Protein backbone atom coordinates (compact mmCIF):
# COMPACT_ATOMS: atom_id res chain seq x y z
CA UNK A 1 2.92 5.06 31.51
CA UNK A 2 4.52 3.64 28.38
CA UNK A 3 2.68 4.03 25.07
CA UNK A 4 3.56 1.96 21.96
CA UNK A 5 2.75 3.06 18.41
CA UNK A 6 2.75 0.68 15.44
CA UNK A 7 3.01 2.28 12.01
CA UNK A 8 4.70 5.23 13.71
CA UNK A 9 6.67 6.37 10.67
CA UNK A 10 3.57 6.72 8.48
CA UNK A 11 1.62 9.89 7.76
CA UNK A 12 -0.77 9.63 10.70
CA UNK A 13 1.75 7.81 12.87
CA UNK A 14 4.44 10.48 12.89
CA UNK A 15 1.89 13.21 13.67
CA UNK A 16 0.42 11.10 16.47
CA UNK A 17 3.90 10.50 17.91
CA UNK A 18 4.60 14.23 17.96
CA UNK A 19 1.35 14.98 19.75
CA UNK A 20 1.95 12.25 22.33
CA UNK A 21 5.43 13.64 22.98
CA UNK A 22 3.97 17.12 23.37
CA UNK A 23 1.72 15.68 26.09
CA UNK A 24 4.74 14.29 27.93
CA UNK A 25 4.19 10.58 27.32
CA UNK A 26 6.93 7.96 27.34
CA UNK A 27 6.93 6.45 23.86
CA UNK A 28 8.15 3.31 22.15
CA UNK A 29 7.72 3.11 18.38
CA UNK A 30 7.89 0.13 16.09
CA UNK A 31 10.15 1.12 13.22
CA UNK A 32 11.06 -1.55 10.70
CA UNK A 33 13.70 0.73 9.19
CA UNK A 34 14.99 4.26 9.99
CA UNK A 35 12.59 6.92 8.74
CA UNK A 36 13.02 10.62 8.09
CA UNK A 37 9.55 11.22 9.53
CA UNK A 38 10.75 10.28 13.03
CA UNK A 39 14.27 11.73 12.81
CA UNK A 40 15.34 13.57 15.95
CA UNK A 41 12.31 12.58 18.04
CA UNK A 42 12.93 11.43 21.61
CA UNK A 43 11.37 7.98 21.39
CA UNK A 44 12.51 4.43 22.04
CA UNK A 45 12.80 2.59 18.74
CA UNK A 46 12.31 -1.16 18.40
CA UNK A 47 12.18 -3.44 15.39
CA UNK A 48 9.20 -5.74 15.18
CA UNK A 49 7.09 -7.44 12.55
CA UNK A 50 3.31 -7.69 12.73
CA UNK A 51 3.62 -11.26 11.42
CA UNK A 52 6.17 -12.24 14.11
CA UNK A 53 4.29 -12.77 17.40
CA UNK A 54 7.47 -13.01 19.49
CA UNK A 55 8.76 -9.66 18.26
CA UNK A 56 5.43 -8.03 19.14
CA UNK A 57 5.55 -9.44 22.64
CA UNK A 58 8.98 -7.90 23.13
CA UNK A 59 7.78 -4.59 21.69
CA UNK A 60 4.71 -4.43 23.96
CA UNK A 61 6.44 -5.46 27.19
CA UNK A 62 5.60 -2.97 29.94
CA UNK A 63 3.18 -0.98 27.78
CA UNK A 64 -0.02 0.49 29.17
CA UNK A 65 -1.51 1.56 25.81
CA UNK A 66 -0.94 0.42 22.22
CA UNK A 67 -1.91 2.59 19.26
CA UNK A 68 -2.21 0.33 16.23
CA UNK A 69 -1.78 2.18 12.93
CA UNK A 70 0.31 -0.26 10.88
CA UNK A 71 -1.49 -1.41 7.74
CA UNK A 72 -0.89 -2.01 4.05
CA UNK A 73 -2.86 0.25 1.72
CA UNK A 74 -3.37 -0.32 -2.05
CA UNK A 75 -0.11 1.16 -3.29
CA UNK A 76 3.06 0.28 -5.11
CA UNK A 77 2.04 -3.07 -6.57
CA UNK A 78 2.00 -5.00 -3.28
CA UNK A 79 -0.02 -8.19 -3.53
CA UNK A 80 -3.48 -8.57 -2.08
CA UNK A 81 -2.19 -11.52 -0.08
CA UNK A 82 0.43 -9.31 1.58
CA UNK A 83 -2.30 -6.81 2.42
CA UNK A 84 -4.53 -9.45 3.99
CA UNK A 85 -1.62 -11.04 5.88
CA UNK A 86 -0.65 -7.82 7.61
CA UNK A 87 -4.07 -6.19 7.97
CA UNK A 88 -5.79 -9.30 9.35
CA UNK A 89 -3.26 -11.86 10.57
CA UNK A 90 -1.14 -9.03 11.94
CA UNK A 91 -4.12 -7.90 14.02
CA UNK A 92 -4.55 -11.41 15.40
CA UNK A 93 -0.90 -11.39 16.49
CA UNK A 94 -1.31 -7.90 17.92
CA UNK A 95 -4.27 -8.95 20.08
CA UNK A 96 -2.40 -12.00 21.36
CA UNK A 97 0.63 -9.86 22.22
CA UNK A 98 -1.52 -7.28 24.02
CA UNK A 99 -3.09 -9.99 26.18
CA UNK A 100 0.26 -11.68 26.84
CA UNK A 101 1.89 -8.41 27.94
CA UNK A 102 -1.04 -7.17 30.01
CA UNK A 103 -1.68 -4.11 27.85
CA UNK A 104 -4.58 -2.20 29.39
CA UNK A 105 -5.83 -0.25 26.36
CA UNK A 106 -5.69 -0.78 22.59
CA UNK A 107 -6.66 1.90 20.08
CA UNK A 108 -7.11 0.39 16.64
CA UNK A 109 -7.12 2.84 13.73
CA UNK A 110 -9.46 1.57 11.01
CA UNK A 111 -11.20 3.48 8.20
CA UNK A 112 -14.71 4.71 7.42
CA UNK A 113 -14.48 2.57 4.27
CA UNK A 114 -14.77 -0.57 6.39
CA UNK A 115 -18.49 0.19 6.68
CA UNK A 116 -21.12 -0.93 4.19
CA UNK A 117 -21.43 1.54 1.29
CA UNK A 118 -25.21 1.75 1.22
CA UNK A 119 -27.54 3.50 1.73
CA UNK A 120 -25.28 5.84 -0.19
CA UNK A 121 -27.10 9.12 0.46
CA UNK A 122 -27.57 8.63 4.20
CA UNK A 123 -24.96 10.01 6.57
CA UNK A 124 -22.54 7.35 7.71
CA UNK A 125 -22.59 6.73 11.47
CA UNK A 126 -21.10 4.13 13.78
CA UNK A 127 -24.39 2.22 13.59
CA UNK A 128 -23.82 1.33 9.92
CA UNK A 129 -22.73 -2.34 9.80
CA UNK A 130 -19.26 -3.28 8.69
CA UNK A 131 -18.76 -4.85 5.26
CA UNK A 132 -19.87 -8.47 5.42
CA UNK A 133 -18.66 -11.64 3.68
CA UNK A 134 -21.44 -11.38 1.10
CA UNK A 135 -19.97 -8.05 -0.09
CA UNK A 136 -16.31 -9.11 -0.23
CA UNK A 137 -16.16 -9.37 -4.00
CA UNK A 138 -17.90 -6.04 -4.58
CA UNK A 139 -15.68 -3.76 -2.50
CA UNK A 140 -11.95 -2.97 -2.64
CA UNK A 141 -9.77 -5.60 -0.91
CA UNK A 142 -8.39 -2.94 1.46
CA UNK A 143 -11.87 -2.06 2.73
CA UNK A 144 -12.72 -5.73 3.18
CA UNK A 145 -9.46 -6.42 5.02
CA UNK A 146 -10.02 -3.48 7.38
CA UNK A 147 -13.62 -4.58 8.03
CA UNK A 148 -12.40 -8.04 9.02
CA UNK A 149 -9.67 -6.57 11.22
CA UNK A 150 -12.09 -4.19 12.93
CA UNK A 151 -14.46 -7.09 13.64
CA UNK A 152 -11.62 -9.03 15.26
CA UNK A 153 -10.64 -6.06 17.41
CA UNK A 154 -14.17 -5.31 18.61
CA UNK A 155 -14.75 -8.98 19.45
CA UNK A 156 -11.62 -8.87 21.63
CA UNK A 157 -12.97 -6.12 23.88
CA UNK A 158 -13.64 -7.23 27.41
CA UNK A 159 -11.79 -8.64 30.36
CA UNK A 160 -8.51 -6.92 31.10
CA UNK A 161 -8.07 -5.50 27.57
CA UNK A 162 -10.01 -2.35 26.72
CA UNK A 163 -10.41 -1.80 22.98
CA UNK A 164 -11.43 1.35 21.10
CA UNK A 165 -11.65 1.81 17.31
CA UNK A 166 -10.95 5.15 15.62
CA UNK A 167 -12.06 5.33 11.97
CA UNK A 168 -10.83 8.32 9.94
CA UNK A 169 -12.06 9.57 6.61
CA UNK A 170 -9.55 10.58 3.89
CA UNK A 171 -6.58 12.35 5.47
CA UNK A 172 -4.90 15.58 4.46
CA UNK A 173 -2.39 17.91 6.07
CA UNK A 174 1.27 18.56 6.91
CA UNK A 175 4.12 16.15 7.70
CA UNK A 176 3.10 13.88 4.82
CA UNK A 177 6.67 12.78 4.13
CA UNK A 178 6.10 9.95 1.62
CA UNK A 179 3.80 11.60 0.41
CA UNK A 180 0.52 9.68 0.57
CA UNK A 181 -1.59 9.25 -2.60
CA UNK A 182 -3.80 12.15 -1.54
CA UNK A 183 -0.71 14.18 -0.69
CA UNK A 184 0.63 13.57 -4.20
CA UNK A 185 -2.68 14.75 -5.63
CA UNK A 186 -2.50 17.96 -3.59
CA UNK A 187 1.07 18.56 -4.78
CA UNK A 188 0.08 17.96 -8.39
CA UNK A 189 -2.86 20.34 -8.03
CA UNK A 190 -0.67 22.96 -6.39
CA UNK A 191 1.88 22.74 -9.19
CA UNK A 192 -0.77 22.83 -11.91
CA UNK A 193 0.13 19.36 -13.18
CA UNK A 194 -3.23 17.67 -12.54
CA UNK A 195 -5.62 18.82 -15.26
CA UNK A 196 -7.98 15.80 -15.34
CA UNK A 197 -10.28 15.03 -12.42
CA UNK A 198 -13.04 12.53 -11.70
CA UNK A 199 -16.59 13.57 -10.84
CA UNK A 200 -16.37 12.30 -7.29
CA UNK A 201 -15.30 13.45 -3.88
CA UNK A 202 -14.51 12.42 -0.35
CA UNK A 203 -14.67 13.47 3.24
CA UNK A 204 -11.39 15.05 4.34
CA UNK A 205 -10.02 15.33 7.88
CA UNK A 206 -6.87 17.20 8.86
CA UNK A 207 -4.19 14.83 10.15
CA UNK A 208 -3.58 17.02 13.23
CA UNK A 209 -7.25 16.89 14.21
CA UNK A 210 -7.27 13.15 13.54
CA UNK A 211 -4.24 12.54 15.79
CA UNK A 212 -5.87 14.52 18.58
CA UNK A 213 -9.04 12.45 18.11
CA UNK A 214 -7.08 9.19 18.33
CA UNK A 215 -5.51 10.32 21.61
CA UNK A 216 -8.95 11.33 22.90
CA UNK A 217 -10.22 7.86 21.97
CA UNK A 218 -7.48 6.36 24.15
CA UNK A 219 -8.27 8.72 27.03
CA UNK A 220 -12.06 8.84 26.93
CA UNK A 221 -13.39 6.31 24.42
CA UNK A 222 -15.65 3.52 25.64
CA UNK A 223 -14.25 0.02 25.36
CA UNK A 224 -15.92 -1.97 22.59
CA UNK A 225 -16.96 1.20 20.76
CA UNK A 226 -15.90 2.73 17.45
CA UNK A 227 -15.69 6.44 16.62
CA UNK A 228 -15.83 8.05 13.18
CA UNK A 229 -13.27 10.86 12.92
CA UNK A 230 -14.23 12.85 9.83
CA UNK A 231 -14.13 16.40 8.56
CA UNK A 232 -15.59 18.09 5.51
CA UNK A 233 -17.27 16.60 2.44
CA UNK A 234 -15.65 18.01 -0.69
CA UNK A 235 -15.70 17.22 -4.41
CA UNK A 236 -12.39 16.79 -6.21
CA UNK A 237 -13.26 19.83 -8.32
CA UNK A 238 -13.69 21.98 -5.21
CA UNK A 239 -10.50 20.59 -3.68
CA UNK A 240 -8.64 21.50 -6.86
CA UNK A 241 -10.06 25.02 -6.72
CA UNK A 242 -9.08 25.42 -3.05
CA UNK A 243 -5.54 24.13 -3.57
CA UNK A 244 -5.06 26.09 -6.80
CA UNK A 245 -6.34 29.24 -5.15
CA UNK A 246 -3.93 28.95 -2.22
CA UNK A 247 -1.00 28.12 -4.52
CA UNK A 248 -1.92 30.66 -7.17
CA UNK A 249 -2.14 27.97 -9.84
CA UNK A 250 -5.90 27.59 -10.26
CA UNK A 251 -6.91 26.66 -13.82
CA UNK A 252 -9.70 25.05 -15.79
CA UNK A 253 -9.75 21.28 -15.51
CA UNK A 254 -11.49 18.41 -17.29
CA UNK A 255 -13.87 16.53 -14.98
CA UNK A 256 -14.67 12.99 -16.14
CA UNK A 257 -18.09 11.54 -15.26
CA UNK A 258 -17.69 8.46 -13.07
CA UNK A 259 -18.93 5.98 -15.74
CA UNK A 260 -16.39 7.39 -18.21
CA UNK A 261 -13.66 7.09 -15.58
CA UNK A 262 -14.47 3.41 -15.07
CA UNK A 263 -14.41 2.77 -18.83
CA UNK A 264 -11.03 4.47 -19.06
CA UNK A 265 -9.34 2.45 -16.31
CA UNK A 266 -7.34 0.14 -18.67
CA UNK A 267 -5.95 3.14 -20.56
CA UNK A 268 -5.10 4.98 -17.34
CA UNK A 269 -3.27 1.90 -16.07
CA UNK A 270 -1.32 1.66 -19.34
CA UNK A 271 -0.39 5.35 -19.16
CA UNK A 272 0.86 4.87 -15.61
CA UNK A 273 3.09 1.97 -16.66
CA UNK A 274 4.53 3.98 -19.56
CA UNK A 275 5.20 7.00 -17.33
CA UNK A 276 6.44 4.76 -14.47
CA UNK A 277 4.08 6.46 -12.07
CA UNK A 278 1.10 5.37 -10.03
CA UNK A 279 -1.94 5.54 -12.34
CA UNK A 280 -4.20 8.56 -12.08
CA UNK A 281 -6.85 6.30 -10.58
CA UNK A 282 -7.76 2.63 -10.20
CA UNK A 283 -10.93 0.73 -9.39
CA UNK A 284 -9.90 0.70 -5.73
CA UNK A 285 -9.40 4.47 -5.63
CA UNK A 286 -12.63 5.26 -7.49
CA UNK A 287 -14.70 3.33 -4.96
CA UNK A 288 -14.15 5.71 -1.98
CA UNK A 289 -14.75 8.68 -4.28
CA UNK A 290 -18.30 7.39 -4.73
CA UNK A 291 -19.27 6.35 -1.20
CA UNK A 292 -18.99 7.68 2.37
CA UNK A 293 -18.76 11.38 1.58
CA UNK A 294 -21.37 12.39 4.14
CA UNK A 295 -20.06 11.27 7.53
CA UNK A 296 -21.32 12.10 11.01
CA UNK A 297 -18.75 12.50 13.78
CA UNK A 298 -21.43 13.49 16.29
CA UNK A 299 -20.58 10.61 18.62
CA UNK A 300 -16.86 11.51 18.63
CA UNK A 301 -17.64 15.19 19.16
CA UNK A 302 -19.93 14.43 22.08
CA UNK A 303 -17.95 11.69 23.83
CA UNK A 304 -14.35 12.56 22.90
CA UNK A 305 -14.50 16.32 22.40
CA UNK A 306 -13.35 15.80 18.79
CA UNK A 307 -13.05 19.01 16.75
CA UNK A 308 -11.92 19.81 13.20
CA UNK A 309 -10.57 22.90 11.50
CA UNK A 310 -11.98 24.36 8.27
CA UNK A 311 -10.66 22.72 5.11
CA UNK A 312 -9.54 26.11 3.80
CA UNK A 313 -7.02 26.30 6.69
C-alpha cells in the first residue's frame, strides 16, 4: 500500500524514508524543491504545499498511510506567523485532505515540548497535559504551535481515519544534511569551536531509533493515542565531553549558569548578527534545555517495541 511522507527531505524525514524503503513500501514524498537528502532514492516525488488544500488532495490520492513530519522550527529568522500558519493551519488542511482521500492511517510527528513543562522534576509521560491557552505567552511559540496541532490531530481520531501521535525528544544522529541546530552544535563540539556552554541539558534520541519508532506507531499504535519516543537524559557538558572524546578534541569549557545565560541573551544575539551566524542560544532554545529532560518511553516500549541505542554509540 502507498505511504506518503510530508517533510521527507528533513533530518527525520529522510531517515524515515530510507527505513520505509528498506521495508519494501511504495513511497510518495512531498518535496517542495529537490533535496540532496533524498537524491537517488526510489520514491515518487510530488510538489505540494501544506497551505494549499488542493495540492494535498492530489498528493494523498490513493494513499493508505500518511506520515506527517512537515513543520517550521525556530530557525533562520522566519516569522512566528509563518510558523503558526504551517504548523496549525497546515494540519487542518492535512486532516481535510486525509478524509477526502480516504487515508486509513495518519501518523503525526509532534514533540515532547508540546506538553506542559511542570512539574519539572517528574518524569514526562503521555498523561501530562498539552500546553494550554493560559500558558501560551510563557512558552516558546514553536511548543505552543505544536501543542495546538497535536490537539487538532487527536480530536480528529475516529471514524474511518485512524490517528497516532509520535512525540520525539531532541534528535541526534547521522544523515543530518542541513545540519539541524543540534547537529551544528555537535560539529562545533567535535571541531573544538564551541567553548561556552549553558548549564542545561536535554533528552536525546537517535534519529534511526526514532524513525523505527514512528514506523512502529503506524503499524501498532492505538488510534487516538500519543507515544513519547525518547532516549537518554544528558547535560550539555556531558554531551560535549562525549563528542570531544570521540573526536579527540575534548577540552575545558566555560559553563554558564542558566540565569546568567538569560541575562546575556541580548549580547549573544548581537554577536550572532555581527558574525552572521545563528546566535549561540535564544530564549526559545534555552527553554527546552530547562524542561523535559526526564522522559518515560515506557508506553512506546511496551506497545510499540520501541528501543534505543546507547548515546555513546
